[in-house]
Amino acid sequence: MKRATEEQAKETRGLPGYDELKRKFELEYQVASELAAARKEAGLTQAEIATRMGTTQSVVSRIERGANISLETIARYADACGKRLELHVT
């Protein structure tokens, strides 16, 4: 998956909107990575998070891949991990 993303990035580099798209993907990756880390730190599986969120394991997997998720979903995921969502603008 990462290889495909890198190849897509090479193909789109220099095109109009590339920088904006790159920032979007980087932010989605960062959020997804932090959510997955919170789950692992809590010692929970994707299936357990899904149960706590009232969804399926496949949805949790998509969330952890950075699939266009809302702040509400991020907050629900954090809550399922026993964490609290905090937003910092720097």
C-alpha atoms as a PDB file:
ATOM      1  CA  MET A   1       0.000   0.000   0.000  1.00  0.00           C
ATOM      2  CA  LYS A   2       2.773   2.423   0.916  1.00  0.00           C
ATOM      3  CA  ARG A   3       4.534   1.674  -2.373  1.00  0.00           C
ATOM      4  CA  ALA A   4       1.394   2.512  -4.361  1.00  0.00           C
ATOM      5  CA  THR A   5       1.047   5.771  -2.445  1.00  0.00           C
ATOM      6  CA  GLU A   6       4.670   6.685  -3.167  1.00  0.00           C
ATOM      7  CA  GLU A   7       4.182   5.943  -6.869  1.00  0.00           C
ATOM      8  CA  GLN A   8       1.029   8.057  -6.954  1.00  0.00           C
ATOM      9  CA  ALA A   9       2.907  10.885  -5.255  1.00  0.00           C
ATOM     10  CA  LYS A  10       5.643  10.755  -7.893  1.00  0.00           C
ATOM     11  CA  GLU A  11       3.038  10.901 -10.663  1.00  0.00           C
ATOM     12  CA  THR A  12       1.256  13.918  -9.187  1.00  0.00           C
ATOM     13  CA  ARG A  13       4.271  15.901  -7.975  1.00  0.00           C
ATOM     14  CA  GLY A  14       4.327  19.270  -9.674  1.00  0.00           C
ATOM     15  CA  LEU A  15       0.663  19.195 -10.672  1.00  0.00           C
ATOM     16  CA  PRO A  16      -1.645  21.995  -9.482  1.00  0.00           C
ATOM     17  CA  GLY A  17      -2.932  21.234  -5.996  1.00  0.00           C
ATOM     18  CA  TYR A  18      -0.138  18.759  -5.229  1.00  0.00           C
ATOM     19  CA  ASP A  19       1.074  20.555  -2.091  1.00  0.00           C
ATOM     20  CA  GLU A  20      -2.443  20.796  -0.674  1.00  0.00           C
ATOM     21  CA  LEU A  21      -3.114  17.128  -1.384  1.00  0.00           C
ATOM     22  CA  LYS A  22       0.219  16.150   0.173  1.00  0.00           C
ATOM     23  CA  ARG A  23      -0.594  18.062   3.377  1.00  0.00           C
ATOM     24  CA  LYS A  24      -4.008  16.370   3.518  1.00  0.00           C
ATOM     25  CA  PHE A  25      -2.484  12.892   3.218  1.00  0.00           C
ATOM     26  CA  GLU A  26       0.209  13.684   5.786  1.00  0.00           C
ATOM     27  CA  LEU A  27      -2.399  14.877   8.283  1.00  0.00           C
ATOM     28  CA  GLU A  28      -4.594  11.820   7.689  1.00  0.00           C
ATOM     29  CA  TYR A  29      -1.564   9.555   8.166  1.00  0.00           C
ATOM     30  CA  GLN A  30      -0.588  11.319  11.392  1.00  0.00           C
ATOM     31  CA  VAL A  31      -4.101  11.023  12.832  1.00  0.00           C
ATOM     32  CA  ALA A  32      -4.372   7.367  11.813  1.00  0.00           C
ATOM     33  CA  SER A  33      -0.973   6.568  13.328  1.00  0.00           C
ATOM     34  CA  GLU A  34      -1.852   8.244  16.617  1.00  0.00           C
ATOM     35  CA  LEU A  35      -5.170   6.416  16.829  1.00  0.00           C
ATOM     36  CA  ALA A  36      -3.563   3.038  16.168  1.00  0.00           C
ATOM     37  CA  ALA A  37      -0.872   3.813  18.759  1.00  0.00           C
ATOM     38  CA  ALA A  38      -3.540   4.730  21.337  1.00  0.00           C
ATOM     39  CA  ARG A  39      -5.336   1.439  20.679  1.00  0.00           C
ATOM     40  CA  LYS A  40      -2.149  -0.579  21.053  1.00  0.00           C
ATOM     41  CA  GLU A  41      -1.171   1.327  24.203  1.00  0.00           C
ATOM     42  CA  ALA A  42      -4.579   0.458  25.662  1.00  0.00           C
ATOM     43  CA  GLY A  43      -3.931  -3.202  24.818  1.00  0.00           C
ATOM     44  CA  LEU A  44      -7.020  -3.431  22.617  1.00  0.00           C
ATOM     45  CA  THR A  45      -7.661  -5.114  19.288  1.00  0.00           C
ATOM     46  CA  GLN A  46      -9.436  -3.519  16.352  1.00  0.00           C
ATOM     47  CA  ALA A  47     -12.395  -5.806  17.069  1.00  0.00           C
ATOM     48  CA  GLU A  48     -12.589  -4.593  20.676  1.00  0.00           C
ATOM     49  CA  ILE A  49     -12.493  -0.957  19.561  1.00  0.00           C
ATOM     50  CA  ALA A  50     -15.216  -1.726  17.022  1.00  0.00           C
ATOM     51  CA  THR A  51     -17.440  -3.224  19.719  1.00  0.00           C
ATOM     52  CA  ARG A  52     -16.925  -0.207  21.967  1.00  0.00           C
ATOM     53  CA  MET A  53     -17.723   2.138  19.058  1.00  0.00           C
ATOM     54  CA  GLY A  54     -20.719   0.113  17.928  1.00  0.00           C
ATOM     55  CA  THR A  55     -19.239  -0.531  14.502  1.00  0.00           C
ATOM     56  CA  THR A  56     -17.297  -3.237  12.676  1.00  0.00           C
ATOM     57  CA  GLN A  57     -13.633  -4.186  12.693  1.00  0.00           C
ATOM     58  CA  SER A  58     -13.397  -3.259   9.004  1.00  0.00           C
ATOM     59  CA  VAL A  59     -14.493   0.306   9.810  1.00  0.00           C
ATOM     60  CA  VAL A  60     -11.820   0.513  12.514  1.00  0.00           C
ATOM     61  CA  SER A  61      -9.269  -0.743   9.987  1.00  0.00           C
ATOM     62  CA  ARG A  62     -10.284   2.020   7.555  1.00  0.00           C
ATOM     63  CA  ILE A  63      -9.984   4.592  10.340  1.00  0.00           C
ATOM     64  CA  GLU A  64      -6.458   3.367  11.094  1.00  0.00           C
ATOM     65  CA  ARG A  65      -5.552   3.697   7.412  1.00  0.00           C
ATOM     66  CA  GLY A  66      -6.507   7.382   7.522  1.00  0.00           C
ATOM     67  CA  ALA A  67      -9.659   7.091   5.449  1.00  0.00           C
ATOM     68  CA  ASN A  68     -11.347  10.513   5.392  1.00  0.00           C
ATOM     69  CA  ILE A  69     -12.781  10.470   8.924  1.00  0.00           C
ATOM     70  CA  SER A  70     -14.710  13.112  10.833  1.00  0.00           C
ATOM     71  CA  LEU A  71     -13.700  14.703  14.123  1.00  0.00           C
ATOM     72  CA  GLU A  72     -16.715  13.002  15.701  1.00  0.00           C
ATOM     73  CA  THR A  73     -15.403   9.597  14.603  1.00  0.00           C
ATOM     74  CA  ILE A  74     -11.917  10.425  15.869  1.00  0.00           C
ATOM     75  CA  ALA A  75     -13.393  11.446  19.237  1.00  0.00           C
ATOM     76  CA  ARG A  76     -15.467   8.227  19.432  1.00  0.00           C
ATOM     77  CA  TYR A  77     -12.362   6.170  18.622  1.00  0.00           C
ATOM     78  CA  ALA A  78     -10.330   7.983  21.290  1.00  0.00           C
ATOM     79  CA  ASP A  79     -13.127   7.420  23.814  1.00  0.00           C
ATOM     80  CA  ALA A  80     -13.197   3.708  22.929  1.00  0.00           C
ATOM     81  CA  CYS A  81      -9.476   3.616  23.784  1.00  0.00           C
ATOM     82  CA  GLY A  82     -10.128   5.318  27.116  1.00  0.00           C
ATOM     83  CA  LYS A  83      -8.477   8.476  25.817  1.00  0.00           C
ATOM     84  CA  ARG A  84      -9.613  12.045  25.280  1.00  0.00           C
ATOM     85  CA  LEU A  85      -9.311  13.919  21.998  1.00  0.00           C
ATOM     86  CA  GLU A  86      -7.276  17.124  22.242  1.00  0.00           C
ATOM     87  CA  LEU A  87      -6.643  19.460  19.345  1.00  0.00           C
ATOM     88  CA  HIS A  88      -3.580  21.693  19.244  1.00  0.00           C
ATOM     89  CA  VAL A  89      -2.976  24.261  16.547  1.00  0.00           C
ATOM     90  CA  THR A  90       0.668  25.221  16.141  1.00  0.00           C
END
